[in-house]
Amino acid sequence: MDRLEEDEDEDEDEDEDEEGLSSMCKGERQRVISVKTPALGKMTFRRSTGIKNQTEVVEFVFLGFSGILYGHIYLSLVFLAIYLVTVLGNLMIFIMIQLDSSLHSYMYYFLSHLSCLDICISSVTVPKIMVNLLLQQQTISYNECMAQMFFLMSFRGEQKRPGLLAVITLDLHACICKPLHYSHLMNTKVCTVLAFATWIWGFLDSALQMALSTRLDFCGVNQIHHIFCDVPPLMKIACNDAPINKLALQMAGVFMGGGPLLFIISSYIFILSSILRIQSTTGKRKAFSTCASHLTVVFIYYGNALLNYQRPRAGYSVATGTLVSIMYCVITPMLNPLIYSLRNKDVKGALKKAVESWRKSEHHHSAFKIAR
């Protein structure tokens, strides 16, 4: 009897070993591993115990502010101030363009789209940065990272902002170089199609980039040398080679970023030559003032984009990369309304009229209260 019981126990052990081996081969046994560090916060992995012993990343850790151990609350207040200035400034530009009849031109129509774009870009990145700073936990889940990357590329994509800047250049070229044919070249239908084509193309390109990014394997490495989710930082920590991802990113940068830049440069050669032929000093000054605001925005965008995406492989610290990223995606959207409101006479005139009408309404309202 004892011998039979021992044989049965051995059979049960063999069955358990076979079941364990089959579950390992199928990759069914998983356990969640959480590691907490004082500088980076909590890091979570889902470990799959199988033959390949793969580790699936559940969340990512941003290293952009890892060197800052104190003052997170004050830093979050700085980002809050930048965010409020960006949203309120661009919203002011958008509302003035819609309400003031002197700004009902096609150039300001495209500028209103640019203001909406800046509000969306800031809303994708800055709130998450502030929350992470307040919680002192620089983490983001995998799904949130993919969603942030999709909307960031949709609004900031290498084709949308350059596309809108190129369309504004086209409007300036038609207005200054071919004023007699302006009404035929630029009409409501053409401008609407051009504006919304940049939005649609941006969403299509970001959908393609995100679909390719979901195929990346990270092999347990979840530390991103950045302050938000973007394609290049994710490709750097991926453990599998992704030539298609690199090719798609380079093609988008060359054709959708370089193409509009070449168009802007070539158009401004003709624009400047036409301005120099204007006889009136007032006309020259007004044309130069309008072009100066647009050129300033172009230089700021392409300068920051070049620093952000064409970084040297060696001698580039995390702190420097964080500063460049902040300039590119946080500071630039804040500067656009300031540039157009300070350098553009039409916008300044509309702003003065809005302030004067508000003062008059307040004066009438206070006088009515006193009369009562």
Protein backbone atom coordinates (compact mmCIF):
# COMPACT_ATOMS: atom_id res chain seq x y z
CA MET A 1 0.00 0.00 0.00
CA ASP A 2 2.80 2.40 0.86
CA ARG A 3 4.46 1.63 -2.46
CA LEU A 4 1.24 2.40 -4.38
CA GLU A 5 0.80 5.72 -2.55
CA GLU A 6 4.38 6.73 -3.39
CA ASP A 7 3.79 5.91 -7.08
CA GLU A 8 0.60 8.03 -7.07
CA ASP A 9 2.47 10.96 -5.50
CA GLU A 10 5.18 10.71 -8.14
CA ASP A 11 2.54 10.68 -10.89
CA GLU A 12 0.89 13.82 -9.41
CA ASP A 13 4.26 15.58 -9.26
CA GLU A 14 4.93 14.70 -12.89
CA ASP A 15 1.50 16.00 -13.90
CA GLU A 16 2.16 19.27 -12.06
CA ASP A 17 5.56 19.58 -13.76
CA GLU A 18 3.97 18.99 -17.15
CA GLU A 19 1.25 21.59 -16.47
CA GLY A 20 3.86 24.11 -15.31
CA LEU A 21 6.00 23.45 -18.38
CA SER A 22 3.04 23.86 -20.73
CA SER A 23 1.97 27.11 -19.06
CA MET A 24 5.53 28.39 -19.32
CA CYS A 25 5.67 27.52 -23.01
CA LYS A 26 2.36 29.29 -23.60
CA GLY A 27 3.51 32.32 -21.61
CA GLU A 28 0.47 32.15 -19.32
CA ARG A 29 2.24 32.64 -15.98
CA GLN A 30 2.64 36.33 -15.26
CA ARG A 31 3.36 38.37 -12.20
CA VAL A 32 3.52 42.11 -11.64
CA ILE A 33 6.78 43.51 -10.29
CA SER A 34 6.82 46.96 -8.69
CA VAL A 35 10.09 48.70 -7.80
CA LYS A 36 10.09 52.02 -5.94
CA THR A 37 13.05 54.38 -6.02
CA PRO A 38 13.30 57.75 -4.22
CA ALA A 39 14.36 59.70 -7.32
CA LEU A 40 12.19 58.12 -10.05
CA GLY A 41 9.16 56.91 -8.11
CA LYS A 42 7.40 53.62 -8.62
CA MET A 43 8.27 51.49 -11.65
CA THR A 44 5.89 48.69 -12.63
CA PHE A 45 6.54 45.73 -14.92
CA ARG A 46 4.52 42.70 -15.92
CA ARG A 47 6.88 39.76 -16.07
CA SER A 48 5.96 36.83 -18.30
CA THR A 49 7.66 33.62 -17.12
CA GLY A 50 8.29 31.68 -20.27
CA ILE A 51 11.12 30.36 -22.39
CA LYS A 52 12.03 33.87 -23.66
CA ASN A 53 11.50 35.40 -20.19
CA GLN A 54 10.09 38.64 -21.66
CA THR A 55 9.05 41.65 -19.59
CA GLU A 56 6.16 43.84 -20.71
CA VAL A 57 6.31 47.51 -19.76
CA VAL A 58 3.18 48.71 -17.96
CA GLU A 59 4.31 52.31 -17.40
CA PHE A 60 7.17 54.64 -18.30
CA VAL A 61 9.32 56.87 -16.11
CA PHE A 62 10.34 60.35 -17.31
CA LEU A 63 13.95 61.27 -16.49
CA GLY A 64 13.71 64.90 -17.60
CA PHE A 65 13.32 66.23 -14.04
CA SER A 66 15.15 63.40 -12.27
CA GLY A 67 17.98 65.76 -11.26
CA ILE A 68 15.58 68.13 -9.48
CA LEU A 69 14.98 66.77 -5.97
CA TYR A 70 13.38 69.86 -4.39
CA GLY A 71 11.08 72.70 -5.41
CA HIS A 72 8.62 70.66 -7.45
CA ILE A 73 5.68 72.77 -6.28
CA TYR A 74 7.33 76.03 -7.37
CA LEU A 75 8.27 74.49 -10.72
CA SER A 76 4.68 73.35 -11.24
CA LEU A 77 3.51 76.92 -10.54
CA VAL A 78 5.87 78.16 -13.27
CA PHE A 79 4.35 75.70 -15.73
CA LEU A 80 0.87 76.75 -14.60
CA ALA A 81 1.69 80.41 -15.34
CA ILE A 82 3.07 79.49 -18.77
CA TYR A 83 -0.01 77.40 -19.51
CA LEU A 84 -2.42 80.19 -18.51
CA VAL A 85 -0.54 82.77 -20.61
CA THR A 86 -0.56 80.38 -23.58
CA VAL A 87 -4.25 79.52 -23.38
CA LEU A 88 -5.51 83.04 -22.59
CA GLY A 89 -3.21 84.71 -25.13
CA ASN A 90 -4.13 82.42 -28.00
CA LEU A 91 -7.79 82.51 -27.00
CA MET A 92 -7.67 86.32 -27.07
CA ILE A 93 -6.18 86.24 -30.59
CA PHE A 94 -8.83 83.77 -31.74
CA ILE A 95 -11.76 85.77 -30.29
CA MET A 96 -10.50 89.09 -31.68
CA ILE A 97 -10.16 87.61 -35.16
CA GLN A 98 -13.72 86.34 -34.99
CA LEU A 99 -15.26 89.57 -33.64
CA ASP A 100 -13.23 92.41 -35.20
CA SER A 101 -14.15 93.11 -38.83
CA SER A 102 -10.71 94.61 -39.56
CA LEU A 103 -9.18 91.16 -38.97
CA HIS A 104 -11.55 89.32 -41.32
CA SER A 105 -8.85 88.51 -43.85
CA TYR A 106 -7.51 85.14 -44.92
CA MET A 107 -4.14 85.61 -43.21
CA TYR A 108 -5.83 86.10 -39.83
CA TYR A 109 -8.15 83.19 -40.60
CA PHE A 110 -5.07 80.95 -40.79
CA LEU A 111 -3.66 82.65 -37.72
CA SER A 112 -6.79 81.67 -35.77
CA HIS A 113 -6.10 78.03 -36.71
CA LEU A 114 -2.53 78.47 -35.47
CA SER A 115 -3.86 79.79 -32.15
CA CYS A 116 -6.13 76.76 -31.75
CA LEU A 117 -3.14 74.56 -32.53
CA ASP A 118 -1.04 76.19 -29.78
CA ILE A 119 -3.82 75.75 -27.21
CA CYS A 120 -4.13 72.05 -28.08
CA ILE A 121 -0.36 71.45 -27.94
CA SER A 122 -0.06 72.99 -24.48
CA SER A 123 -3.11 71.09 -23.21
CA VAL A 124 -1.57 67.76 -24.25
CA THR A 125 1.77 68.18 -22.44
CA VAL A 126 1.70 70.84 -19.70
CA PRO A 127 -1.14 69.49 -17.45
CA LYS A 128 0.54 66.07 -17.21
CA ILE A 129 3.89 67.72 -16.40
CA MET A 130 2.25 69.75 -13.60
CA VAL A 131 0.50 66.68 -12.13
CA ASN A 132 3.74 64.69 -12.12
CA LEU A 133 5.60 67.53 -10.43
CA LEU A 134 2.93 67.94 -7.75
CA LEU A 135 2.76 64.19 -7.06
CA GLN A 136 6.56 63.89 -7.30
CA GLN A 137 6.08 60.79 -9.40
CA GLN A 138 7.39 61.12 -12.95
CA THR A 139 5.43 58.20 -14.42
CA ILE A 140 2.87 57.63 -17.15
CA SER A 141 1.04 54.44 -18.07
CA TYR A 142 1.64 52.74 -21.41
CA ASN A 143 -1.84 53.58 -22.76
CA GLU A 144 -1.61 57.19 -21.58
CA CYS A 145 1.81 57.46 -23.22
CA MET A 146 0.46 56.24 -26.56
CA ALA A 147 -2.53 58.62 -26.32
CA GLN A 148 -0.30 61.60 -25.43
CA MET A 149 2.03 60.79 -28.31
CA PHE A 150 -0.88 60.54 -30.76
CA PHE A 151 -2.41 63.90 -29.85
CA LEU A 152 1.00 65.57 -29.54
CA MET A 153 1.93 64.52 -33.05
CA SER A 154 -1.54 65.42 -34.32
CA PHE A 155 -1.33 68.99 -33.05
CA ARG A 156 2.41 69.60 -33.21
CA GLY A 157 3.17 67.23 -36.09
CA GLU A 158 6.01 68.04 -38.45
CA GLN A 159 3.46 68.75 -41.16
CA LYS A 160 0.67 70.70 -39.44
CA ARG A 161 2.44 73.78 -38.10
CA PRO A 162 4.82 74.04 -41.11
CA GLY A 163 1.77 73.53 -43.31
CA LEU A 164 -0.10 76.42 -41.68
CA LEU A 165 3.01 78.62 -41.83
CA ALA A 166 3.39 77.77 -45.53
CA VAL A 167 -0.27 78.56 -46.19
CA ILE A 168 0.13 81.95 -44.48
CA THR A 169 3.17 82.54 -46.70
CA LEU A 170 1.07 81.68 -49.75
CA ASP A 171 -1.51 84.26 -48.69
CA LEU A 172 1.19 86.91 -48.19
CA HIS A 173 2.73 86.06 -51.57
CA ALA A 174 -0.61 86.41 -53.35
CA CYS A 175 -1.44 89.65 -51.51
CA ILE A 176 1.91 91.40 -52.06
CA CYS A 177 3.19 89.93 -55.33
CA LYS A 178 -0.12 89.52 -57.20
CA PRO A 179 -2.62 91.96 -55.66
CA LEU A 180 -4.77 92.18 -58.82
CA HIS A 181 -5.28 88.39 -58.88
CA TYR A 182 -5.61 87.98 -55.09
CA SER A 183 -9.39 87.50 -55.08
CA HIS A 184 -9.07 84.71 -57.66
CA LEU A 185 -6.12 82.98 -56.02
CA MET A 186 -7.36 83.17 -52.43
CA ASN A 187 -11.06 82.73 -51.75
CA THR A 188 -13.14 81.24 -48.94
CA LYS A 189 -13.32 77.78 -50.47
CA VAL A 190 -9.58 77.54 -51.16
CA CYS A 191 -8.61 78.79 -47.69
CA THR A 192 -11.03 76.42 -45.94
CA VAL A 193 -9.73 73.43 -47.89
CA LEU A 194 -6.09 74.38 -47.20
CA ALA A 195 -6.67 74.92 -43.47
CA PHE A 196 -8.59 71.73 -42.80
CA ALA A 197 -6.30 69.68 -45.05
CA THR A 198 -3.43 70.41 -42.65
CA TRP A 199 -5.54 69.18 -39.71
CA ILE A 200 -6.64 65.99 -41.47
CA TRP A 201 -3.14 65.21 -42.73
CA GLY A 202 -1.78 65.72 -39.23
CA PHE A 203 -4.17 63.18 -37.72
CA LEU A 204 -3.43 60.65 -40.48
CA ASP A 205 0.33 60.95 -40.04
CA SER A 206 0.10 60.68 -36.23
CA ALA A 207 -2.12 57.60 -36.55
CA LEU A 208 0.53 55.96 -38.75
CA GLN A 209 3.36 56.87 -36.37
CA MET A 210 1.44 55.60 -33.33
CA ALA A 211 0.51 52.32 -35.08
CA LEU A 212 4.20 51.74 -35.81
CA SER A 213 5.17 52.69 -32.23
CA THR A 214 2.83 50.08 -30.73
CA ARG A 215 4.94 47.40 -32.42
CA LEU A 216 8.05 48.41 -30.46
CA ASP A 217 9.34 46.03 -27.76
CA PHE A 218 10.93 47.55 -24.66
CA CYS A 219 12.18 44.42 -22.85
CA GLY A 220 11.55 45.90 -19.40
CA VAL A 221 13.36 49.21 -20.09
CA ASN A 222 10.90 51.98 -19.21
CA GLN A 223 13.03 55.06 -18.46
CA ILE A 224 12.46 57.82 -21.03
CA HIS A 225 15.02 60.62 -21.25
CA HIS A 226 12.30 63.19 -21.82
CA ILE A 227 9.43 65.02 -20.08
CA PHE A 228 6.61 63.67 -22.28
CA CYS A 229 6.01 60.80 -24.68
CA ASP A 230 7.36 61.26 -28.19
CA VAL A 231 8.47 58.92 -30.97
CA PRO A 232 12.28 59.50 -30.93
CA PRO A 233 12.72 58.89 -27.15
CA LEU A 234 10.62 55.71 -27.34
CA MET A 235 12.62 54.43 -30.30
CA LYS A 236 15.85 54.95 -28.33
CA ILE A 237 14.79 52.65 -25.46
CA ALA A 238 13.20 50.00 -27.71
CA CYS A 239 15.13 46.72 -27.78
CA ASN A 240 14.08 45.71 -31.30
CA ASP A 241 15.35 47.35 -34.46
CA ALA A 242 12.58 49.29 -36.19
CA PRO A 243 13.77 50.43 -39.64
CA ILE A 244 10.22 51.14 -40.82
CA ASN A 245 9.62 53.46 -37.84
CA LYS A 246 12.85 55.34 -38.52
CA LEU A 247 12.08 55.62 -42.22
CA ALA A 248 8.53 56.91 -41.57
CA LEU A 249 9.81 59.48 -39.09
CA GLN A 250 12.54 60.69 -41.44
CA MET A 251 10.17 60.88 -44.39
CA ALA A 252 7.70 62.95 -42.35
CA GLY A 253 10.48 65.29 -41.24
CA VAL A 254 11.98 65.74 -44.70
CA PHE A 255 8.85 66.11 -46.81
CA MET A 256 6.39 67.61 -44.30
CA GLY A 257 8.92 69.80 -42.51
CA GLY A 258 11.54 70.54 -45.17
CA GLY A 259 9.06 70.96 -48.03
CA PRO A 260 7.15 73.86 -46.42
CA LEU A 261 10.46 75.44 -45.37
CA LEU A 262 11.72 75.47 -48.97
CA PHE A 263 8.39 76.94 -50.09
CA ILE A 264 8.57 79.66 -47.41
CA ILE A 265 12.15 80.61 -48.36
CA SER A 266 11.45 80.72 -52.10
CA SER A 267 8.21 82.68 -51.58
CA TYR A 268 9.89 85.28 -49.40
CA ILE A 269 12.48 85.94 -52.10
CA PHE A 270 9.65 87.14 -54.35
CA ILE A 271 7.84 88.85 -51.46
CA LEU A 272 10.88 90.91 -50.44
CA SER A 273 11.63 91.88 -54.05
CA SER A 274 8.02 93.04 -54.46
CA ILE A 275 8.13 95.04 -51.20
CA LEU A 276 11.27 96.83 -52.32
CA ARG A 277 9.48 97.94 -55.49
CA ILE A 278 6.66 99.60 -53.52
CA GLN A 279 6.91 103.39 -53.91
CA SER A 280 5.00 104.38 -50.78
CA THR A 281 6.99 104.42 -47.53
CA THR A 282 3.85 103.67 -45.52
CA GLY A 283 3.06 100.68 -47.73
CA LYS A 284 6.58 99.33 -47.34
CA ARG A 285 6.45 99.74 -43.58
CA LYS A 286 3.10 97.98 -43.28
CA ALA A 287 4.22 95.09 -45.51
CA PHE A 288 7.47 94.66 -43.58
CA SER A 289 5.58 94.74 -40.26
CA THR A 290 3.20 91.98 -41.40
CA CYS A 291 6.02 89.81 -42.76
CA ALA A 292 8.24 90.38 -39.70
CA SER A 293 5.70 88.79 -37.34
CA HIS A 294 5.33 85.75 -39.58
CA LEU A 295 9.08 85.37 -40.13
CA THR A 296 9.74 85.57 -36.38
CA VAL A 297 7.32 82.69 -35.76
CA VAL A 298 8.95 80.68 -38.59
CA PHE A 299 12.47 81.20 -37.20
CA ILE A 300 11.43 80.29 -33.66
CA TYR A 301 9.63 77.12 -34.76
CA TYR A 302 12.27 75.76 -37.12
CA GLY A 303 15.12 76.73 -34.80
CA ASN A 304 13.60 74.86 -31.86
CA ALA A 305 12.60 71.92 -34.09
CA LEU A 306 16.18 71.62 -35.36
CA LEU A 307 17.56 71.62 -31.81
CA ASN A 308 14.91 69.14 -30.62
CA TYR A 309 15.20 66.51 -33.38
CA GLN A 310 18.78 66.92 -34.65
CA ARG A 311 20.52 66.36 -31.33
CA PRO A 312 24.13 65.15 -31.23
CA ARG A 313 24.52 61.55 -30.09
CA ALA A 314 27.30 62.36 -27.63
CA GLY A 315 27.79 65.20 -25.13
CA TYR A 316 24.07 65.95 -24.81
CA SER A 317 22.88 65.81 -21.18
CA VAL A 318 19.35 65.05 -19.98
CA ALA A 319 19.07 68.58 -18.54
CA THR A 320 19.92 70.15 -21.90
CA GLY A 321 17.41 67.90 -23.67
CA THR A 322 14.74 68.85 -21.15
CA LEU A 323 15.40 72.57 -21.70
CA VAL A 324 15.17 72.17 -25.49
CA SER A 325 11.93 70.19 -25.18
CA ILE A 326 10.42 72.86 -22.95
CA MET A 327 11.38 75.55 -25.44
CA TYR A 328 9.91 73.56 -28.33
CA CYS A 329 6.56 72.40 -26.92
CA VAL A 330 5.90 74.72 -23.97
CA ILE A 331 7.48 78.13 -24.61
CA THR A 332 6.91 78.38 -28.38
CA PRO A 333 3.06 78.20 -28.16
CA MET A 334 3.20 80.97 -25.54
CA LEU A 335 5.33 83.27 -27.72
CA ASN A 336 3.11 83.24 -30.82
CA PRO A 337 0.29 85.46 -29.44
CA LEU A 338 2.86 87.80 -27.89
CA ILE A 339 4.67 88.17 -31.22
CA TYR A 340 1.52 88.84 -33.23
CA SER A 341 0.01 91.19 -30.66
CA LEU A 342 3.19 93.25 -30.14
CA ARG A 343 4.50 93.45 -33.72
CA ASN A 344 1.29 93.52 -35.77
CA LYS A 345 -0.47 96.89 -36.02
CA ASP A 346 -3.83 95.40 -37.01
CA VAL A 347 -3.89 93.11 -33.97
CA LYS A 348 -2.74 95.93 -31.69
CA GLY A 349 -5.47 98.19 -33.09
CA ALA A 350 -8.12 95.52 -32.57
CA LEU A 351 -6.86 94.95 -29.02
CA LYS A 352 -7.05 98.70 -28.26
CA LYS A 353 -10.61 98.87 -29.59
CA ALA A 354 -11.59 95.88 -27.48
CA VAL A 355 -10.10 97.45 -24.34
CA GLU A 356 -11.78 100.81 -25.04
CA SER A 357 -15.17 99.20 -25.63
CA TRP A 358 -14.78 97.22 -22.40
CA ARG A 359 -13.94 100.41 -20.48
CA LYS A 360 -16.95 102.19 -21.95
CA SER A 361 -19.27 99.34 -21.01
CA GLU A 362 -17.85 99.32 -17.48
CA HIS A 363 -18.29 103.11 -17.24
CA HIS A 364 -21.92 102.91 -18.40
CA HIS A 365 -22.57 100.03 -16.03
CA SER A 366 -21.16 101.95 -13.04
CA ALA A 367 -23.07 105.12 -14.02
CA PHE A 368 -26.29 103.12 -14.24
CA LYS A 369 -25.67 101.73 -10.75
CA ILE A 370 -25.09 105.24 -9.35
CA ALA A 371 -28.27 106.52 -11.03
CA ARG A 372 -30.26 103.74 -9.41
